[in-house]
Amino acid sequence: MDTTIYERPREKLYKKGVSALTNAELLQVIIGSGNAGMPVTKIARKVNKLLITKGLSITITDLVAIQGLGLVKSSQIVAGFELANRLPYQQEDPYKDVDILADLYIDIRRSKKRTLLYAFFDGNGRLIDDHSQLINPNVSTTRVARKVFGEALVRSTASILVAVGGEGQSLEPTMFELSLARDIYSTAAMLSMTVKSFVLVSDAGEYVIKEERHE
C-alpha cells in the first residue's frame, strides 16, 4: 500500500493526477497562495463552502467578499468555471455507458417497493458514485432534489442520472415523479450540470421523462 503523503496539492496533482484532488485542494491550486492573515487552505475551504451552497451560479462579488481573496484571484476562479461550462461535452462512443446503466437498473428491477436511484458521472462520462433508497411517499420532491445535488456538488459531478421504479411497478409517471423530474432538470440547469436521463424502470421496461422546455 502506498502510504506516501503529498502535503501540497500541486505535488499531489503531479504525482497522482488531477482526479485525486479534493475540491478544496483544486481550489488551493487555482488560488495559489494566501497571506499572513489568511492561509490558502482556509480561503479554499471558504470558497468550497460557498460552492456547495451556490454551485456554479457563484459570482465574482461572492468571491471578493471572502477575506484574502482579491479581485484577481476571484476573476480567475469565475473565468475558469465559465470556460469549463462553455466546453462541449464530448463522448467518443455514445453507447459506451449502456452496460453501466443496465447494472445500475438491476437493483431497481428487483425491488419490491418503489425505489429511487441517482448516479454521478464526471466530465468524461465515467461513473463516480451511485445511491439507491426506498421512496418515502410523504417526502417533498424539493427535498429529494436538494439532497441529490448536495451530494453531486461535493463529488465534482458533470452529469447525473435519476431512475425511479421497482418490480411490477407501472411505467406511467405519478405526480410525484413528474414533480421530481421538473425539480431535477431545473436544478441541474441552474448548476450547469447535465441530466443524462430521468427514467422510470421496472421489469417490464423503461420510460424516460424528458425535460419540459419553455420558449
N, C-alpha and C. Protein backbone atom coordinates (compact mmCIF):
# COMPACT_ATOMS: atom_id res chain seq x y z
N MET A 1 0.85 -1.20 0.00
CA MET A 1 0.00 0.00 0.00
C MET A 1 0.88 1.24 0.00
N ASP A 2 0.52 2.21 -0.87
CA ASP A 2 1.27 3.45 -0.94
C ASP A 2 0.83 4.37 0.18
N THR A 3 1.72 4.64 1.12
CA THR A 3 1.37 5.47 2.27
C THR A 3 1.98 6.86 2.17
N THR A 4 2.55 7.19 1.00
CA THR A 4 3.17 8.50 0.82
C THR A 4 2.13 9.60 0.93
N ILE A 5 2.44 10.63 1.68
CA ILE A 5 1.53 11.75 1.85
C ILE A 5 2.08 12.95 1.08
N TYR A 6 1.31 13.48 0.17
CA TYR A 6 1.71 14.66 -0.59
C TYR A 6 1.01 15.86 0.04
N GLU A 7 1.76 16.63 0.79
CA GLU A 7 1.16 17.70 1.56
C GLU A 7 0.68 18.85 0.69
N ARG A 8 1.37 19.10 -0.40
CA ARG A 8 1.00 20.21 -1.24
C ARG A 8 0.15 19.72 -2.41
N PRO A 9 -0.99 20.37 -2.64
CA PRO A 9 -1.88 19.94 -3.72
C PRO A 9 -1.21 19.88 -5.09
N ARG A 10 -0.30 20.84 -5.37
CA ARG A 10 0.36 20.83 -6.68
C ARG A 10 1.22 19.58 -6.86
N GLU A 11 1.92 19.19 -5.80
CA GLU A 11 2.74 18.00 -5.87
C GLU A 11 1.85 16.76 -6.00
N LYS A 12 0.75 16.75 -5.27
CA LYS A 12 -0.19 15.64 -5.35
C LYS A 12 -0.78 15.53 -6.74
N LEU A 13 -1.10 16.66 -7.34
CA LEU A 13 -1.63 16.66 -8.70
C LEU A 13 -0.62 16.07 -9.68
N TYR A 14 0.64 16.47 -9.54
CA TYR A 14 1.69 15.98 -10.43
C TYR A 14 1.92 14.48 -10.25
N LYS A 15 1.89 14.02 -9.01
CA LYS A 15 2.20 12.62 -8.73
C LYS A 15 1.03 11.68 -9.01
N LYS A 16 -0.20 12.15 -8.70
CA LYS A 16 -1.34 11.23 -8.74
C LYS A 16 -2.43 11.62 -9.74
N GLY A 17 -2.30 12.80 -10.33
CA GLY A 17 -3.30 13.22 -11.30
C GLY A 17 -4.35 14.11 -10.69
N VAL A 18 -5.01 14.91 -11.52
CA VAL A 18 -5.95 15.90 -11.04
C VAL A 18 -7.17 15.27 -10.37
N SER A 19 -7.57 14.07 -10.79
CA SER A 19 -8.75 13.43 -10.22
C SER A 19 -8.55 13.02 -8.76
N ALA A 20 -7.31 12.98 -8.30
CA ALA A 20 -7.02 12.58 -6.92
C ALA A 20 -7.22 13.71 -5.92
N LEU A 21 -7.37 14.93 -6.42
CA LEU A 21 -7.50 16.08 -5.53
C LEU A 21 -8.95 16.29 -5.10
N THR A 22 -9.12 16.73 -3.87
CA THR A 22 -10.45 17.11 -3.40
C THR A 22 -10.80 18.48 -3.99
N ASN A 23 -12.05 18.88 -3.85
CA ASN A 23 -12.45 20.20 -4.34
C ASN A 23 -11.63 21.31 -3.68
N ALA A 24 -11.42 21.19 -2.37
CA ALA A 24 -10.65 22.21 -1.66
C ALA A 24 -9.21 22.26 -2.15
N GLU A 25 -8.63 21.09 -2.46
CA GLU A 25 -7.25 21.06 -2.96
C GLU A 25 -7.17 21.66 -4.36
N LEU A 26 -8.17 21.39 -5.19
CA LEU A 26 -8.20 22.00 -6.52
C LEU A 26 -8.26 23.53 -6.42
N LEU A 27 -9.04 24.00 -5.47
CA LEU A 27 -9.15 25.45 -5.26
C LEU A 27 -7.83 26.03 -4.77
N GLN A 28 -7.11 25.27 -3.94
CA GLN A 28 -5.81 25.75 -3.48
C GLN A 28 -4.85 25.93 -4.65
N VAL A 29 -4.90 25.00 -5.60
CA VAL A 29 -4.04 25.10 -6.79
C VAL A 29 -4.40 26.35 -7.59
N ILE A 30 -5.70 26.60 -7.75
CA ILE A 30 -6.15 27.75 -8.52
C ILE A 30 -5.80 29.06 -7.82
N ILE A 31 -6.04 29.11 -6.51
CA ILE A 31 -5.80 30.34 -5.73
C ILE A 31 -4.31 30.63 -5.60
N GLY A 32 -3.53 29.59 -5.41
CA GLY A 32 -2.07 29.75 -5.38
C GLY A 32 -1.52 29.97 -3.99
N SER A 33 -1.82 31.09 -3.38
CA SER A 33 -1.28 31.39 -2.05
C SER A 33 -2.22 32.33 -1.31
N GLY A 34 -2.06 32.33 0.00
CA GLY A 34 -2.85 33.22 0.83
C GLY A 34 -2.00 34.38 1.30
N ASN A 35 -2.23 34.80 2.52
CA ASN A 35 -1.41 35.87 3.10
C ASN A 35 -1.23 35.58 4.58
N ALA A 36 -0.55 36.47 5.26
CA ALA A 36 -0.23 36.23 6.67
C ALA A 36 -1.48 36.06 7.52
N GLY A 37 -2.54 36.77 7.18
CA GLY A 37 -3.75 36.70 7.98
C GLY A 37 -4.71 35.61 7.57
N MET A 38 -4.55 35.08 6.36
CA MET A 38 -5.49 34.09 5.86
C MET A 38 -4.75 33.10 4.95
N PRO A 39 -4.39 31.92 5.46
CA PRO A 39 -3.69 30.93 4.64
C PRO A 39 -4.57 30.41 3.50
N VAL A 40 -3.93 29.92 2.46
CA VAL A 40 -4.65 29.47 1.27
C VAL A 40 -5.60 28.32 1.60
N THR A 41 -5.23 27.48 2.57
CA THR A 41 -6.11 26.35 2.92
C THR A 41 -7.45 26.83 3.46
N LYS A 42 -7.40 27.88 4.27
CA LYS A 42 -8.63 28.42 4.85
C LYS A 42 -9.46 29.13 3.79
N ILE A 43 -8.79 29.86 2.89
CA ILE A 43 -9.51 30.53 1.80
C ILE A 43 -10.21 29.50 0.93
N ALA A 44 -9.50 28.43 0.62
CA ALA A 44 -10.07 27.38 -0.24
C ALA A 44 -11.29 26.74 0.41
N ARG A 45 -11.24 26.52 1.72
CA ARG A 45 -12.38 25.93 2.43
C ARG A 45 -13.60 26.85 2.36
N LYS A 46 -13.35 28.16 2.49
CA LYS A 46 -14.44 29.12 2.43
C LYS A 46 -15.07 29.14 1.03
N VAL A 47 -14.22 29.09 0.01
CA VAL A 47 -14.73 29.08 -1.37
C VAL A 47 -15.51 27.80 -1.63
N ASN A 48 -14.97 26.67 -1.15
CA ASN A 48 -15.64 25.39 -1.35
C ASN A 48 -17.00 25.37 -0.67
N LYS A 49 -17.08 25.94 0.52
CA LYS A 49 -18.36 26.01 1.24
C LYS A 49 -19.36 26.84 0.44
N LEU A 50 -18.88 27.92 -0.16
CA LEU A 50 -19.76 28.77 -0.97
C LEU A 50 -20.22 28.03 -2.22
N LEU A 51 -19.34 27.23 -2.80
CA LEU A 51 -19.70 26.44 -3.99
C LEU A 51 -20.77 25.41 -3.66
N ILE A 52 -20.66 24.79 -2.49
CA ILE A 52 -21.65 23.79 -2.09
C ILE A 52 -23.03 24.45 -1.96
N THR A 53 -23.04 25.70 -1.52
CA THR A 53 -24.29 26.42 -1.33
C THR A 53 -24.85 26.96 -2.65
N LYS A 54 -23.98 27.55 -3.48
CA LYS A 54 -24.46 28.26 -4.68
C LYS A 54 -24.13 27.56 -5.99
N GLY A 55 -23.24 26.56 -5.94
CA GLY A 55 -22.89 25.87 -7.17
C GLY A 55 -22.19 26.80 -8.15
N LEU A 56 -22.37 26.54 -9.45
CA LEU A 56 -21.71 27.34 -10.47
C LEU A 56 -22.40 28.69 -10.72
N SER A 57 -23.44 28.98 -9.92
CA SER A 57 -24.07 30.29 -10.02
C SER A 57 -23.31 31.31 -9.18
N ILE A 58 -22.21 30.89 -8.60
CA ILE A 58 -21.38 31.78 -7.79
C ILE A 58 -20.91 32.96 -8.63
N THR A 59 -20.84 34.15 -8.03
CA THR A 59 -20.45 35.36 -8.76
C THR A 59 -19.12 35.90 -8.24
N ILE A 60 -18.55 36.80 -9.01
CA ILE A 60 -17.29 37.40 -8.59
C ILE A 60 -17.49 38.24 -7.33
N THR A 61 -18.68 38.80 -7.17
CA THR A 61 -19.00 39.57 -5.96
C THR A 61 -18.97 38.67 -4.73
N ASP A 62 -19.50 37.43 -4.87
CA ASP A 62 -19.47 36.48 -3.77
C ASP A 62 -18.03 36.18 -3.35
N LEU A 63 -17.16 36.01 -4.34
CA LEU A 63 -15.78 35.61 -4.06
C LEU A 63 -14.96 36.75 -3.47
N VAL A 64 -15.13 37.94 -4.01
CA VAL A 64 -14.37 39.09 -3.50
C VAL A 64 -14.68 39.35 -2.03
N ALA A 65 -15.87 38.96 -1.60
CA ALA A 65 -16.26 39.18 -0.20
C ALA A 65 -15.51 38.27 0.76
N ILE A 66 -14.86 37.24 0.25
CA ILE A 66 -14.09 36.32 1.10
C ILE A 66 -12.75 36.95 1.45
N GLN A 67 -12.45 37.03 2.72
CA GLN A 67 -11.19 37.64 3.17
C GLN A 67 -10.00 36.88 2.60
N GLY A 68 -9.05 37.61 2.04
CA GLY A 68 -7.85 37.00 1.49
C GLY A 68 -7.96 36.67 0.01
N LEU A 69 -9.15 36.83 -0.55
CA LEU A 69 -9.36 36.51 -1.97
C LEU A 69 -9.68 37.80 -2.70
N GLY A 70 -8.69 38.36 -3.38
CA GLY A 70 -8.86 39.63 -4.04
C GLY A 70 -9.53 39.52 -5.40
N LEU A 71 -9.56 40.63 -6.11
CA LEU A 71 -10.24 40.70 -7.40
C LEU A 71 -9.56 39.81 -8.44
N VAL A 72 -8.24 39.78 -8.45
CA VAL A 72 -7.52 39.00 -9.46
C VAL A 72 -7.82 37.51 -9.33
N LYS A 73 -7.69 36.97 -8.13
CA LYS A 73 -7.92 35.54 -7.94
C LYS A 73 -9.40 35.18 -8.09
N SER A 74 -10.26 36.09 -7.64
CA SER A 74 -11.70 35.86 -7.81
C SER A 74 -12.05 35.80 -9.30
N SER A 75 -11.43 36.68 -10.07
CA SER A 75 -11.68 36.70 -11.51
C SER A 75 -11.19 35.41 -12.16
N GLN A 76 -10.06 34.90 -11.71
CA GLN A 76 -9.51 33.66 -12.27
C GLN A 76 -10.44 32.48 -12.02
N ILE A 77 -11.01 32.42 -10.82
CA ILE A 77 -11.91 31.32 -10.48
C ILE A 77 -13.17 31.38 -11.33
N VAL A 78 -13.78 32.56 -11.40
CA VAL A 78 -15.02 32.71 -12.18
C VAL A 78 -14.77 32.43 -13.66
N ALA A 79 -13.65 32.92 -14.18
CA ALA A 79 -13.32 32.71 -15.59
C ALA A 79 -13.10 31.22 -15.87
N GLY A 80 -12.45 30.53 -14.92
CA GLY A 80 -12.21 29.10 -15.09
C GLY A 80 -13.51 28.31 -15.15
N PHE A 81 -14.46 28.65 -14.27
CA PHE A 81 -15.76 27.98 -14.27
C PHE A 81 -16.51 28.24 -15.57
N GLU A 82 -16.45 29.49 -16.04
CA GLU A 82 -17.17 29.84 -17.27
C GLU A 82 -16.58 29.12 -18.48
N LEU A 83 -15.26 29.03 -18.54
CA LEU A 83 -14.61 28.33 -19.65
C LEU A 83 -14.99 26.86 -19.66
N ALA A 84 -14.97 26.23 -18.47
CA ALA A 84 -15.34 24.82 -18.38
C ALA A 84 -16.79 24.60 -18.80
N ASN A 85 -17.64 25.57 -18.46
CA ASN A 85 -19.05 25.46 -18.80
C ASN A 85 -19.29 25.60 -20.30
N ARG A 86 -18.42 26.35 -20.99
CA ARG A 86 -18.59 26.56 -22.42
C ARG A 86 -18.08 25.40 -23.25
N LEU A 87 -17.17 24.60 -22.68
CA LEU A 87 -16.61 23.48 -23.45
C LEU A 87 -17.70 22.44 -23.69
N PRO A 88 -17.81 21.95 -24.91
CA PRO A 88 -18.85 20.95 -25.21
C PRO A 88 -18.54 19.62 -24.55
N TYR A 89 -19.60 18.94 -24.11
CA TYR A 89 -19.43 17.60 -23.55
C TYR A 89 -19.23 16.63 -24.70
N GLN A 90 -18.12 15.92 -24.72
CA GLN A 90 -17.81 15.01 -25.80
C GLN A 90 -17.71 13.59 -25.28
N GLN A 91 -18.26 12.70 -26.06
CA GLN A 91 -18.22 11.29 -25.71
C GLN A 91 -17.92 10.52 -26.97
N GLU A 92 -16.79 9.84 -27.01
CA GLU A 92 -16.37 9.16 -28.22
C GLU A 92 -17.38 8.13 -28.69
N ASP A 93 -17.92 7.37 -27.77
CA ASP A 93 -18.88 6.34 -28.11
C ASP A 93 -20.17 6.60 -27.34
N PRO A 94 -21.24 7.03 -28.00
CA PRO A 94 -22.47 7.37 -27.29
C PRO A 94 -23.13 6.18 -26.62
N TYR A 95 -22.66 4.97 -26.92
CA TYR A 95 -23.28 3.78 -26.34
C TYR A 95 -22.38 3.10 -25.31
N LYS A 96 -21.28 3.72 -24.96
CA LYS A 96 -20.33 3.05 -24.10
C LYS A 96 -20.84 2.86 -22.67
N ASP A 97 -21.87 3.64 -22.26
CA ASP A 97 -22.37 3.53 -20.90
C ASP A 97 -23.61 2.65 -20.79
N VAL A 98 -23.98 1.95 -21.87
CA VAL A 98 -25.16 1.09 -21.84
C VAL A 98 -25.03 0.02 -20.77
N ASP A 99 -23.88 -0.64 -20.71
CA ASP A 99 -23.68 -1.70 -19.71
C ASP A 99 -23.71 -1.14 -18.29
N ILE A 100 -23.16 0.07 -18.11
CA ILE A 100 -23.17 0.70 -16.79
C ILE A 100 -24.60 0.94 -16.34
N LEU A 101 -25.41 1.48 -17.24
CA LEU A 101 -26.79 1.78 -16.90
C LEU A 101 -27.57 0.51 -16.60
N ALA A 102 -27.31 -0.55 -17.37
CA ALA A 102 -28.01 -1.81 -17.14
C ALA A 102 -27.69 -2.34 -15.74
N ASP A 103 -26.44 -2.21 -15.33
CA ASP A 103 -26.04 -2.66 -14.00
C ASP A 103 -26.72 -1.83 -12.91
N LEU A 104 -26.83 -0.51 -13.16
CA LEU A 104 -27.45 0.36 -12.18
C LEU A 104 -28.93 0.03 -11.99
N TYR A 105 -29.59 -0.37 -13.06
CA TYR A 105 -31.02 -0.63 -13.01
C TYR A 105 -31.39 -1.97 -12.36
N ILE A 106 -30.41 -2.86 -12.18
CA ILE A 106 -30.69 -4.20 -11.67
C ILE A 106 -31.40 -4.14 -10.31
N ASP A 107 -30.87 -3.35 -9.39
CA ASP A 107 -31.45 -3.27 -8.05
C ASP A 107 -32.88 -2.75 -8.09
N ILE A 108 -33.14 -1.79 -8.99
CA ILE A 108 -34.49 -1.25 -9.10
C ILE A 108 -35.45 -2.30 -9.63
N ARG A 109 -35.05 -3.01 -10.65
CA ARG A 109 -35.93 -4.02 -11.26
C ARG A 109 -36.31 -5.11 -10.26
N ARG A 110 -35.44 -5.36 -9.29
CA ARG A 110 -35.68 -6.43 -8.32
C ARG A 110 -36.37 -5.94 -7.06
N SER A 111 -36.47 -4.62 -6.90
CA SER A 111 -37.03 -4.07 -5.67
C SER A 111 -38.55 -4.27 -5.62
N LYS A 112 -39.04 -4.74 -4.48
CA LYS A 112 -40.47 -4.95 -4.29
C LYS A 112 -41.21 -3.64 -4.03
N LYS A 113 -40.46 -2.60 -3.64
CA LYS A 113 -41.05 -1.29 -3.37
C LYS A 113 -40.43 -0.24 -4.29
N ARG A 114 -41.15 0.84 -4.49
CA ARG A 114 -40.67 1.87 -5.39
C ARG A 114 -39.36 2.44 -4.85
N THR A 115 -38.37 2.47 -5.73
CA THR A 115 -37.01 2.83 -5.33
C THR A 115 -36.48 3.98 -6.18
N LEU A 116 -35.71 4.85 -5.52
CA LEU A 116 -35.05 5.96 -6.21
C LEU A 116 -33.57 5.64 -6.33
N LEU A 117 -33.01 5.83 -7.52
CA LEU A 117 -31.58 5.68 -7.74
C LEU A 117 -31.05 6.94 -8.38
N TYR A 118 -29.89 7.41 -7.92
CA TYR A 118 -29.25 8.54 -8.58
C TYR A 118 -27.75 8.25 -8.69
N ALA A 119 -27.20 8.59 -9.84
CA ALA A 119 -25.80 8.29 -10.13
C ALA A 119 -25.09 9.54 -10.63
N PHE A 120 -23.80 9.66 -10.28
CA PHE A 120 -23.00 10.82 -10.65
C PHE A 120 -21.92 10.41 -11.65
N PHE A 121 -21.68 11.26 -12.66
CA PHE A 121 -20.68 11.00 -13.69
C PHE A 121 -19.75 12.19 -13.82
N ASP A 122 -18.48 11.94 -14.18
CA ASP A 122 -17.54 13.04 -14.37
C ASP A 122 -17.64 13.56 -15.80
N GLY A 123 -16.76 14.50 -16.14
CA GLY A 123 -16.81 15.12 -17.45
C GLY A 123 -16.53 14.19 -18.61
N ASN A 124 -15.93 13.04 -18.32
CA ASN A 124 -15.65 12.05 -19.37
C ASN A 124 -16.69 10.94 -19.40
N GLY A 125 -17.80 11.14 -18.67
CA GLY A 125 -18.86 10.14 -18.68
C GLY A 125 -18.60 8.94 -17.81
N ARG A 126 -17.58 9.00 -16.96
CA ARG A 126 -17.27 7.88 -16.07
C ARG A 126 -18.09 7.96 -14.80
N LEU A 127 -18.57 6.81 -14.36
CA LEU A 127 -19.38 6.75 -13.14
C LEU A 127 -18.53 7.07 -11.92
N ILE A 128 -18.97 8.06 -11.15
CA ILE A 128 -18.27 8.43 -9.92
C ILE A 128 -18.82 7.65 -8.73
N ASP A 129 -20.15 7.66 -8.60
CA ASP A 129 -20.80 7.02 -7.46
C ASP A 129 -22.29 6.91 -7.75
N ASP A 130 -22.96 6.00 -7.04
CA ASP A 130 -24.40 5.89 -7.18
C ASP A 130 -25.02 5.48 -5.85
N HIS A 131 -26.29 5.84 -5.67
CA HIS A 131 -27.02 5.53 -4.44
C HIS A 131 -28.44 5.11 -4.80
N SER A 132 -29.01 4.23 -3.98
CA SER A 132 -30.42 3.88 -4.15
C SER A 132 -31.08 3.84 -2.79
N GLN A 133 -32.36 4.18 -2.75
CA GLN A 133 -33.11 4.20 -1.49
C GLN A 133 -34.59 4.06 -1.79
N LEU A 134 -35.33 3.53 -0.82
CA LEU A 134 -36.77 3.42 -0.98
C LEU A 134 -37.39 4.81 -0.93
N ILE A 135 -38.44 5.01 -1.68
CA ILE A 135 -39.07 6.33 -1.74
C ILE A 135 -40.09 6.48 -0.61
N ASN A 136 -39.92 7.55 0.15
CA ASN A 136 -40.89 7.92 1.17
C ASN A 136 -41.99 8.73 0.48
N PRO A 137 -43.21 8.22 0.41
CA PRO A 137 -44.27 8.92 -0.33
C PRO A 137 -44.63 10.29 0.25
N ASN A 138 -44.19 10.56 1.48
CA ASN A 138 -44.52 11.84 2.12
C ASN A 138 -43.44 12.90 1.98
N VAL A 139 -42.30 12.52 1.40
CA VAL A 139 -41.20 13.48 1.29
C VAL A 139 -41.47 14.42 0.11
N SER A 140 -41.01 15.66 0.23
CA SER A 140 -41.21 16.63 -0.85
C SER A 140 -40.15 16.41 -1.92
N THR A 141 -40.53 16.65 -3.18
CA THR A 141 -39.59 16.47 -4.28
C THR A 141 -38.44 17.49 -4.19
N THR A 142 -38.73 18.66 -3.65
CA THR A 142 -37.68 19.68 -3.49
C THR A 142 -36.61 19.18 -2.53
N ARG A 143 -37.02 18.51 -1.47
CA ARG A 143 -36.06 17.99 -0.50
C ARG A 143 -35.21 16.88 -1.13
N VAL A 144 -35.84 16.03 -1.95
CA VAL A 144 -35.09 14.97 -2.62
C VAL A 144 -34.06 15.57 -3.57
N ALA A 145 -34.47 16.54 -4.37
CA ALA A 145 -33.56 17.17 -5.33
C ALA A 145 -32.41 17.86 -4.61
N ARG A 146 -32.71 18.52 -3.48
CA ARG A 146 -31.67 19.20 -2.72
C ARG A 146 -30.62 18.20 -2.22
N LYS A 147 -31.08 17.04 -1.78
CA LYS A 147 -30.15 16.01 -1.29
C LYS A 147 -29.28 15.48 -2.43
N VAL A 148 -29.92 15.20 -3.57
CA VAL A 148 -29.19 14.67 -4.72
C VAL A 148 -28.09 15.63 -5.17
N PHE A 149 -28.43 16.90 -5.32
CA PHE A 149 -27.44 17.85 -5.82
C PHE A 149 -26.45 18.28 -4.76
N GLY A 150 -26.84 18.20 -3.50
CA GLY A 150 -25.87 18.46 -2.43
C GLY A 150 -24.73 17.45 -2.50
N GLU A 151 -25.07 16.19 -2.75
CA GLU A 151 -24.05 15.15 -2.88
C GLU A 151 -23.29 15.29 -4.20
N ALA A 152 -24.00 15.69 -5.25
CA ALA A 152 -23.36 15.84 -6.56
C ALA A 152 -22.27 16.91 -6.54
N LEU A 153 -22.52 18.01 -5.85
CA LEU A 153 -21.57 19.11 -5.83
C LEU A 153 -20.27 18.74 -5.16
N VAL A 154 -20.33 17.96 -4.10
CA VAL A 154 -19.09 17.61 -3.40
C VAL A 154 -18.31 16.51 -4.12
N ARG A 155 -18.89 15.97 -5.18
CA ARG A 155 -18.20 14.92 -5.96
C ARG A 155 -17.75 15.41 -7.33
N SER A 156 -17.74 16.72 -7.53
CA SER A 156 -17.32 17.31 -8.81
C SER A 156 -18.06 16.66 -9.98
N THR A 157 -19.36 16.58 -9.85
CA THR A 157 -20.20 15.91 -10.84
C THR A 157 -20.43 16.79 -12.07
N ALA A 158 -20.33 16.18 -13.26
CA ALA A 158 -20.64 16.88 -14.50
C ALA A 158 -22.04 16.55 -14.98
N SER A 159 -22.47 15.31 -14.75
CA SER A 159 -23.82 14.91 -15.18
C SER A 159 -24.38 13.90 -14.19
N ILE A 160 -25.71 13.84 -14.14
CA ILE A 160 -26.36 12.91 -13.22
C ILE A 160 -27.41 12.09 -13.96
N LEU A 161 -27.75 10.98 -13.37
CA LEU A 161 -28.85 10.15 -13.87
C LEU A 161 -29.75 9.83 -12.69
N VAL A 162 -31.06 9.94 -12.90
CA VAL A 162 -32.02 9.62 -11.86
C VAL A 162 -32.99 8.57 -12.41
N ALA A 163 -33.22 7.53 -11.63
CA ALA A 163 -34.14 6.47 -12.04
C ALA A 163 -35.08 6.15 -10.88
N VAL A 164 -36.33 5.85 -11.20
CA VAL A 164 -37.33 5.51 -10.20
C VAL A 164 -38.10 4.29 -10.69
N GLY A 165 -38.42 3.37 -9.77
CA GLY A 165 -39.22 2.22 -10.19
C GLY A 165 -39.10 1.04 -9.25
N GLY A 166 -39.44 -0.12 -9.76
CA GLY A 166 -39.41 -1.34 -8.97
C GLY A 166 -40.06 -2.47 -9.72
N GLU A 167 -39.94 -3.66 -9.17
CA GLU A 167 -40.51 -4.84 -9.81
C GLU A 167 -42.04 -4.73 -9.86
N GLY A 168 -42.62 -4.89 -11.04
CA GLY A 168 -44.05 -4.83 -11.19
C GLY A 168 -44.64 -3.44 -11.13
N GLN A 169 -43.78 -2.42 -11.01
CA GLN A 169 -44.26 -1.04 -10.91
C GLN A 169 -44.71 -0.53 -12.28
N SER A 170 -45.65 0.39 -12.28
CA SER A 170 -46.16 0.97 -13.52
C SER A 170 -45.14 1.94 -14.11
N LEU A 171 -45.10 2.00 -15.44
CA LEU A 171 -44.24 2.95 -16.13
C LEU A 171 -44.99 4.24 -16.45
N GLU A 172 -46.19 4.35 -15.93
CA GLU A 172 -46.95 5.59 -16.06
C GLU A 172 -46.53 6.52 -14.93
N PRO A 173 -45.94 7.68 -15.26
CA PRO A 173 -45.41 8.56 -14.21
C PRO A 173 -46.49 9.10 -13.27
N THR A 174 -46.19 9.09 -11.99
CA THR A 174 -47.08 9.66 -10.99
C THR A 174 -46.83 11.16 -10.88
N MET A 175 -47.67 11.87 -10.13
CA MET A 175 -47.46 13.29 -9.92
C MET A 175 -46.15 13.54 -9.19
N PHE A 176 -45.81 12.65 -8.26
CA PHE A 176 -44.55 12.77 -7.52
C PHE A 176 -43.37 12.71 -8.49
N GLU A 177 -43.39 11.74 -9.41
CA GLU A 177 -42.28 11.56 -10.34
C GLU A 177 -42.18 12.70 -11.35
N LEU A 178 -43.32 13.20 -11.80
CA LEU A 178 -43.31 14.34 -12.71
C LEU A 178 -42.76 15.59 -12.02
N SER A 179 -43.16 15.78 -10.76
CA SER A 179 -42.66 16.93 -9.99
C SER A 179 -41.17 16.80 -9.71
N LEU A 180 -40.74 15.59 -9.36
CA LEU A 180 -39.32 15.37 -9.09
C LEU A 180 -38.50 15.59 -10.35
N ALA A 181 -39.00 15.12 -11.49
CA ALA A 181 -38.29 15.32 -12.76
C ALA A 181 -38.11 16.81 -13.05
N ARG A 182 -39.15 17.60 -12.83
CA ARG A 182 -39.05 19.05 -13.04
C ARG A 182 -38.00 19.66 -12.12
N ASP A 183 -37.99 19.24 -10.85
CA ASP A 183 -37.02 19.77 -9.90
C ASP A 183 -35.59 19.38 -10.29
N ILE A 184 -35.42 18.14 -10.74
CA ILE A 184 -34.09 17.66 -11.13
C ILE A 184 -33.58 18.43 -12.35
N TYR A 185 -34.40 18.55 -13.37
CA TYR A 185 -33.97 19.24 -14.59
C TYR A 185 -33.70 20.72 -14.33
N SER A 186 -34.56 21.39 -13.56
CA SER A 186 -34.38 22.82 -13.32
C SER A 186 -33.17 23.10 -12.44
N THR A 187 -32.95 22.26 -11.41
CA THR A 187 -31.79 22.46 -10.53
C THR A 187 -30.49 22.18 -11.28
N ALA A 188 -30.48 21.16 -12.12
CA ALA A 188 -29.29 20.84 -12.91
C ALA A 188 -28.94 22.01 -13.82
N ALA A 189 -29.95 22.64 -14.42
CA ALA A 189 -29.70 23.78 -15.31
C ALA A 189 -29.08 24.94 -14.54
N MET A 190 -29.55 25.18 -13.32
CA MET A 190 -29.01 26.27 -12.51
C MET A 190 -27.56 26.01 -12.13
N LEU A 191 -27.20 24.73 -11.95
CA LEU A 191 -25.86 24.37 -11.52
C LEU A 191 -24.95 24.00 -12.70
N SER A 192 -25.46 24.20 -13.92
CA SER A 192 -24.69 23.89 -15.14
C SER A 192 -24.28 22.43 -15.20
N MET A 193 -25.14 21.55 -14.73
CA MET A 193 -24.93 20.11 -14.85
C MET A 193 -25.85 19.55 -15.93
N THR A 194 -25.48 18.40 -16.44
CA THR A 194 -26.30 17.73 -17.44
C THR A 194 -27.06 16.58 -16.80
N VAL A 195 -28.32 16.43 -17.17
CA VAL A 195 -29.09 15.28 -16.73
C VAL A 195 -29.03 14.24 -17.86
N LYS A 196 -28.32 13.15 -17.61
CA LYS A 196 -28.22 12.11 -18.64
C LYS A 196 -29.59 11.53 -18.94
N SER A 197 -30.37 11.34 -17.90
CA SER A 197 -31.72 10.82 -18.10
C SER A 197 -32.47 10.83 -16.78
N PHE A 198 -33.78 11.00 -16.87
CA PHE A 198 -34.67 10.75 -15.73
C PHE A 198 -35.60 9.66 -16.23
N VAL A 199 -35.46 8.47 -15.69
CA VAL A 199 -36.13 7.31 -16.28
C VAL A 199 -36.89 6.49 -15.25
N LEU A 200 -38.06 6.02 -15.65
CA LEU A 200 -38.82 5.07 -14.85
C LEU A 200 -38.40 3.67 -15.29
N VAL A 201 -38.15 2.80 -14.30
CA VAL A 201 -37.64 1.47 -14.60
C VAL A 201 -38.47 0.41 -13.89
N SER A 202 -38.81 -0.66 -14.60
CA SER A 202 -39.47 -1.82 -14.00
C SER A 202 -39.01 -3.06 -14.74
N ASP A 203 -39.47 -4.23 -14.30
CA ASP A 203 -39.12 -5.45 -15.01
C ASP A 203 -39.78 -5.51 -16.37
N ALA A 204 -40.71 -4.58 -16.64
CA ALA A 204 -41.40 -4.56 -17.93
C ALA A 204 -40.71 -3.67 -18.95
N GLY A 205 -39.79 -2.81 -18.49
CA GLY A 205 -39.10 -1.92 -19.41
C GLY A 205 -38.71 -0.61 -18.80
N GLU A 206 -38.58 0.42 -19.63
CA GLU A 206 -38.14 1.74 -19.19
C GLU A 206 -38.96 2.82 -19.88
N TYR A 207 -39.10 3.95 -19.20
CA TYR A 207 -39.81 5.10 -19.77
C TYR A 207 -39.07 6.36 -19.33
N VAL A 208 -38.63 7.16 -20.30
CA VAL A 208 -37.87 8.37 -20.00
C VAL A 208 -38.80 9.56 -19.89
N ILE A 209 -38.68 10.29 -18.77
CA ILE A 209 -39.41 11.56 -18.60
C ILE A 209 -38.48 12.66 -19.10
N LYS A 210 -38.84 13.29 -20.19
CA LYS A 210 -37.98 14.29 -20.79
C LYS A 210 -38.17 15.66 -20.15
N GLU A 211 -37.18 16.50 -20.35
CA GLU A 211 -37.22 17.85 -19.81
C GLU A 211 -38.26 18.68 -20.54
N GLU A 212 -39.04 19.43 -19.78
CA GLU A 212 -40.00 20.35 -20.38
C GLU A 212 -39.29 21.64 -20.71
N ARG A 213 -39.35 22.01 -21.97
CA ARG A 213 -38.68 23.25 -22.40
C ARG A 213 -39.72 24.32 -22.67
N HIS A 214 -39.47 25.49 -22.10
CA HIS A 214 -40.40 26.61 -22.26
C HIS A 214 -39.72 27.69 -23.08
N GLU A 215 -40.35 28.05 -24.18
CA GLU A 215 -39.77 29.07 -25.06
C GLU A 215 -40.03 30.47 -24.48
